[in-house]
Protein backbone atom coordinates (compact mmCIF):
# COMPACT_ATOMS: atom_id res chain seq x y z
CA MET A 1 -6.85 40.90 -219.26
CA ASN A 2 -10.09 40.64 -217.31
CA GLN A 3 -9.52 38.40 -214.31
CA LYS A 4 -13.17 37.41 -214.42
CA CYS A 5 -12.51 35.32 -217.53
CA PRO A 6 -9.26 33.32 -217.81
CA ILE A 7 -10.65 31.74 -220.98
CA LEU A 8 -9.34 34.87 -222.71
CA LEU A 9 -5.93 33.28 -222.23
CA LEU A 10 -6.92 30.55 -224.66
CA ALA A 11 -5.64 32.29 -227.79
CA SER A 12 -2.36 33.32 -226.21
CA LEU A 13 -1.27 30.12 -224.50
CA LEU A 14 1.32 28.40 -226.56
CA ARG A 15 2.67 25.06 -227.57
CA VAL A 16 6.18 24.31 -226.41
CA LEU A 17 8.40 21.51 -227.65
CA THR A 18 11.95 20.68 -226.67
CA VAL A 19 14.06 18.07 -228.39
CA LEU A 20 14.15 16.06 -225.16
CA VAL A 21 10.42 16.25 -224.48
CA LEU A 22 8.74 14.70 -227.51
CA GLN A 23 5.24 15.88 -226.67
CA LEU A 24 3.39 19.13 -226.54
CA ALA A 25 3.19 21.07 -223.32
CA LEU A 26 1.61 24.33 -222.37
CA ASP A 27 3.16 27.52 -221.01
CA PHE A 28 1.72 30.89 -220.11
CA PHE A 29 3.06 34.43 -220.01
CA TYR A 30 3.46 36.79 -217.07
CA ASP A 31 4.56 40.43 -217.21
CA ALA A 32 7.07 40.82 -214.36
CA LYS A 33 7.97 44.37 -213.36
CA LEU A 34 11.65 44.98 -212.61
CA ASN A 35 10.82 47.74 -210.09
CA ASP A 36 14.20 49.38 -210.73
CA GLY A 37 12.89 52.84 -211.59
CA THR A 38 13.18 52.28 -215.34
CA GLY A 39 9.63 51.09 -215.99
CA ARG A 40 11.02 47.92 -217.58
CA SER A 41 9.46 44.50 -217.27
CA LEU A 42 10.13 40.92 -218.34
CA THR A 43 7.73 38.75 -220.28
CA LEU A 44 8.20 35.43 -218.53
CA LEU A 45 7.15 32.16 -220.11
CA ILE A 46 6.20 29.95 -217.15
CA SER A 47 6.00 26.15 -217.11
CA ASN A 48 7.60 23.12 -215.41
CA LYS A 49 11.27 22.26 -215.16
CA HIS A 50 10.56 18.90 -216.76
CA VAL A 51 8.98 20.64 -219.77
CA PHE A 52 12.05 22.75 -220.49
CA LYS A 53 14.15 19.72 -219.56
CA ASP A 54 17.59 20.93 -220.67
CA SER A 55 18.28 24.57 -221.42
CA THR A 56 21.21 23.66 -223.69
CA HIS A 57 18.87 22.05 -226.21
CA ARG A 58 16.38 23.46 -228.67
CA LEU A 59 13.19 25.16 -227.53
CA THR A 60 10.35 25.71 -229.99
CA MET A 61 7.30 27.89 -229.30
CA SER A 62 4.22 28.34 -231.49
CA LEU A 63 1.66 31.14 -231.33
CA ASN A 64 -1.02 32.58 -233.56
CA ARG A 65 -0.22 35.86 -235.28
CA LYS A 66 -2.28 38.96 -234.62
CA ARG A 67 -4.22 40.90 -237.20
CA GLN A 68 -3.79 44.62 -237.79
CA ASP A 69 -6.74 45.31 -235.47
CA GLY A 70 -4.98 43.39 -232.67
CA THR A 71 -7.23 40.32 -232.71
CA PRO A 72 -5.79 36.80 -233.10
CA HIS A 73 -5.50 35.34 -236.58
CA TYR A 74 -6.32 31.75 -235.68
CA GLY A 75 -4.26 29.19 -237.56
CA ASN A 76 -1.76 31.71 -238.90
CA VAL A 77 1.10 30.39 -236.81
CA ILE A 78 4.40 32.03 -235.99
CA THR A 79 7.09 29.73 -234.57
CA PHE A 80 10.06 30.74 -232.48
CA ALA A 81 13.02 28.40 -232.11
CA GLN A 82 16.09 28.82 -229.95
CA GLU A 83 18.95 26.33 -229.93
CA ASN A 84 20.24 27.27 -226.51
CA PHE A 85 18.29 29.23 -223.90
CA VAL A 86 20.63 28.96 -220.91
CA GLU A 87 21.04 32.73 -220.58
CA THR A 88 17.29 33.37 -220.44
CA TYR A 89 16.28 30.35 -218.36
CA TYR A 90 15.37 30.50 -214.66
CA GLU A 91 14.45 27.62 -212.37
CA HIS A 92 12.66 27.81 -209.06
CA PRO A 93 15.52 27.82 -206.52
CA ASP A 94 14.03 24.90 -204.59
CA PRO A 95 15.00 21.69 -206.44
CA SER A 96 11.78 20.01 -205.27
CA ILE A 97 9.54 22.63 -206.92
CA ASP A 98 8.89 21.72 -210.57
CA LEU A 99 8.58 25.27 -211.90
CA ALA A 100 10.75 27.25 -214.30
CA CYS A 101 10.49 30.06 -216.80
CA VAL A 102 12.17 31.64 -219.80
CA ASN A 103 12.60 35.34 -220.47
CA ALA A 104 10.57 35.69 -223.68
CA SER A 105 10.53 39.49 -223.79
CA GLN A 106 11.59 39.50 -227.45
CA ILE A 107 8.10 38.32 -228.35
CA SER A 108 6.80 41.86 -227.79
CA HIS A 109 8.70 42.92 -230.93
CA THR A 110 6.87 40.46 -233.18
CA ASP A 111 3.38 40.13 -234.61
CA ALA A 112 2.53 37.20 -232.32
CA PHE A 113 -0.78 37.43 -230.49
CA TYR A 114 -0.41 36.93 -226.77
CA ARG A 115 -1.79 38.06 -223.43
CA THR A 116 -0.08 37.97 -220.07
CA LEU A 117 -1.55 36.68 -216.84
CA ASN A 118 -2.13 39.81 -214.79
CA ASP A 119 -1.55 40.41 -211.10
CA PRO A 120 -5.15 40.05 -209.83
CA PHE A 121 -5.05 36.36 -210.78
CA LEU A 122 -2.15 36.04 -208.33
CA ASP A 123 -3.95 37.69 -205.44
CA GLU A 124 -3.76 35.56 -202.31
CA ILE A 125 -6.54 32.99 -202.15
CA ASP A 126 -8.89 33.01 -199.17
CA PHE A 127 -8.94 29.29 -198.35
CA SER A 128 -11.97 29.72 -196.13
CA LYS A 129 -13.84 30.15 -199.42
CA VAL A 130 -12.07 27.45 -201.44
CA MET A 131 -12.67 23.85 -200.43
CA PRO A 132 -12.52 20.31 -201.85
CA SER A 133 -15.17 19.80 -204.58
CA ASN A 134 -14.91 23.42 -205.79
CA ASP A 135 -14.74 23.57 -209.60
CA VAL A 136 -11.50 24.34 -211.40
CA ILE A 137 -10.71 24.95 -215.05
CA PHE A 138 -7.42 24.35 -216.82
CA ILE A 139 -6.13 24.61 -220.36
CA GLY A 140 -3.81 22.27 -222.19
CA TYR A 141 -2.97 19.71 -224.87
CA PRO A 142 -4.09 16.35 -223.40
CA GLU A 143 -2.20 13.56 -225.17
CA ASN A 144 -1.30 16.14 -227.85
CA ARG A 145 -4.96 16.75 -228.71
CA PHE A 146 -5.77 20.31 -229.72
CA ASP A 147 -7.40 22.36 -232.48
CA ILE A 148 -4.65 21.97 -235.06
CA HIS A 149 -6.39 24.07 -237.70
CA ASN A 150 -6.81 27.08 -235.41
CA ASN A 151 -3.75 26.40 -233.22
CA LEU A 152 -5.75 26.43 -229.99
CA PRO A 153 -5.54 24.29 -226.83
CA LEU A 154 -8.51 22.75 -225.05
CA VAL A 155 -10.27 24.10 -221.97
CA ARG A 156 -11.07 21.41 -219.42
CA LYS A 157 -12.84 21.20 -216.09
CA GLY A 158 -12.41 19.36 -212.81
CA SER A 159 -12.62 19.94 -209.09
CA ILE A 160 -10.34 20.32 -206.09
CA ALA A 161 -9.75 16.91 -204.49
CA SER A 162 -7.45 17.64 -201.53
CA LEU A 163 -7.78 20.26 -198.83
CA PRO A 164 -6.24 23.29 -200.59
CA SER A 165 -5.30 25.16 -197.40
CA ILE A 166 -2.60 22.54 -196.65
CA ASP A 167 0.07 20.96 -198.83
CA PHE A 168 -0.87 17.50 -200.10
CA ASN A 169 1.36 14.90 -198.43
CA GLY A 170 3.16 17.78 -196.73
CA LYS A 171 5.59 18.47 -199.54
CA GLY A 172 6.17 20.64 -202.56
CA GLY A 173 3.23 22.98 -202.06
CA GLN A 174 0.91 20.72 -204.03
CA VAL A 175 -2.85 20.41 -204.34
CA VAL A 176 -4.72 17.51 -205.97
CA ILE A 177 -7.38 18.11 -208.60
CA ASP A 178 -9.97 15.57 -209.65
CA ALA A 179 -9.62 15.67 -213.43
CA GLN A 180 -8.30 13.63 -216.33
CA VAL A 181 -4.80 15.08 -216.40
CA PHE A 182 -3.02 13.45 -219.33
CA GLN A 183 0.44 14.04 -220.74
CA GLY A 184 0.45 17.37 -222.49
CA SER A 185 -1.21 19.10 -219.54
CA SER A 186 2.11 19.97 -217.89
CA GLY A 187 2.45 23.70 -217.30
CA SER A 188 -1.31 24.27 -217.55
CA PRO A 189 -2.57 27.05 -215.27
CA VAL A 190 -5.42 25.93 -212.99
CA PHE A 191 -8.04 28.49 -212.01
CA VAL A 192 -10.59 28.51 -209.22
CA ALA A 193 -13.41 31.03 -208.84
CA TYR A 194 -15.14 32.67 -205.91
CA GLY A 195 -16.50 36.14 -205.27
CA ARG A 196 -17.32 36.56 -208.97
CA ARG A 197 -13.70 36.35 -210.14
CA TYR A 198 -10.98 33.81 -210.87
CA TYR A 199 -7.69 33.13 -209.10
CA LEU A 200 -4.69 31.08 -210.15
CA LEU A 201 -4.82 28.00 -207.93
CA GLY A 202 -1.62 26.52 -209.32
CA VAL A 203 0.21 24.95 -212.26
CA ILE A 204 -0.20 21.30 -213.27
CA SER A 205 2.95 19.26 -212.83
CA GLU A 206 2.03 15.58 -212.59
CA THR A 207 -0.68 13.03 -213.15
CA MET A 208 -1.36 10.08 -210.87
CA ILE A 209 -0.99 6.66 -212.47
CA LYS A 210 -2.00 3.20 -211.31
CA HIS A 211 0.52 0.47 -212.11
CA SER A 212 -0.78 -3.04 -212.73
CA GLN A 213 0.04 -6.14 -214.74
CA LEU A 214 -1.78 -7.92 -217.51
CA GLN A 215 -2.95 -11.26 -216.13
CA THR A 216 -4.27 -12.99 -219.25
CA LEU A 217 -0.93 -13.95 -220.76
CA PRO A 218 0.37 -17.53 -221.01
CA ALA A 219 2.33 -18.59 -217.93
CA ASN A 220 5.60 -18.88 -219.85
CA ILE A 221 5.47 -15.25 -221.02
CA GLN A 222 6.70 -12.47 -218.76
CA GLN A 223 3.93 -10.29 -217.43
CA ILE A 224 3.70 -6.85 -218.98
CA GLY A 225 3.26 -3.79 -216.80
CA VAL A 226 0.49 -1.39 -217.75
CA GLN A 227 -0.39 2.09 -216.62
CA GLN A 228 -3.83 3.50 -215.96
CA ILE A 229 -4.62 7.18 -215.50
CA LEU A 230 -6.44 7.62 -212.18
CA GLY A 231 -8.15 10.88 -213.08
CA LEU A 232 -6.14 12.84 -210.51
CA GLY A 233 -3.51 15.49 -211.08
CA LEU A 234 -1.04 17.42 -208.96
CA ALA A 235 -0.80 21.18 -209.24
CA ILE A 236 1.95 23.33 -207.72
CA LYS A 237 0.34 26.07 -205.68
CA GLN A 238 0.19 29.73 -206.58
CA ARG A 239 2.67 30.83 -203.89
CA HIS A 240 5.49 28.96 -205.63
CA VAL A 241 4.65 30.68 -208.92
CA LYS A 242 5.12 34.00 -207.13
CA GLU A 243 8.43 32.79 -205.71
CA LEU A 244 9.61 31.84 -209.19
CA ILE A 245 8.68 35.25 -210.56
CA GLU A 246 10.44 37.10 -207.73
CA TYR A 247 13.55 34.95 -208.06
CA SER A 248 13.66 35.39 -211.86
CA VAL A 249 13.46 39.17 -211.60
CA GLU A 250 16.30 39.32 -209.10
CA GLU A 251 18.38 36.82 -211.07
CA PHE A 252 17.84 38.85 -214.27
CA LYS A 253 19.13 41.95 -212.49
CA ARG A 254 22.16 40.02 -211.25
CA ARG A 255 22.97 38.71 -214.72
CA ASN A 256 22.35 42.12 -216.35
CA PRO A 257 23.77 44.74 -213.97
């Protein structure tokens, strides 16, 4: 896939639903080389721990099929369901890092259309060239909104809000983006561009919410808390995605000697 255009991922990003997460979320694929002399690789489905939630429950994935010429057949959906994915599930080893993945290598033996994020997107970012206010793009299912007929997510745009060369609030390798990050954006890859190409900045994990109370109720009725999206989201930085990939490859080898 051409790293100059991450929009090409649009047709191969997929909807994920677990029985414990009753909303759509977005995952993306990465082809992880085993580097064991066999030429083998794993097709990893990368998202957040809170998206997969519980690997003992059901995981459902939906993708468009591909035509005979290899192009996507939009709206012709193939669905994969697995009741228990414990054996193929890998979490980032740091409990504070909300990243995880599933070994989805079996998808290569189906007629599903998909593309993997390739290594140039994961090249180290030169933070002297990436600053607050730089544009970012991300792809997802905000509040479960997407092109149902064609089975496609939505491409959205924002900007970097915190200094990306340091970790926001000093924890978890996070960067803040100025964008309307609604539920359904979890697991969305965030891309930033410079030097005429795109890089993976990180993966969306959280949205920032303002808590307040309705004040117009009668005095004898308990106040009701309300939430307001602030238009800010937290993304887990690229380096932790690399750590997850490296850990998953080694853990796969350990489980499959």
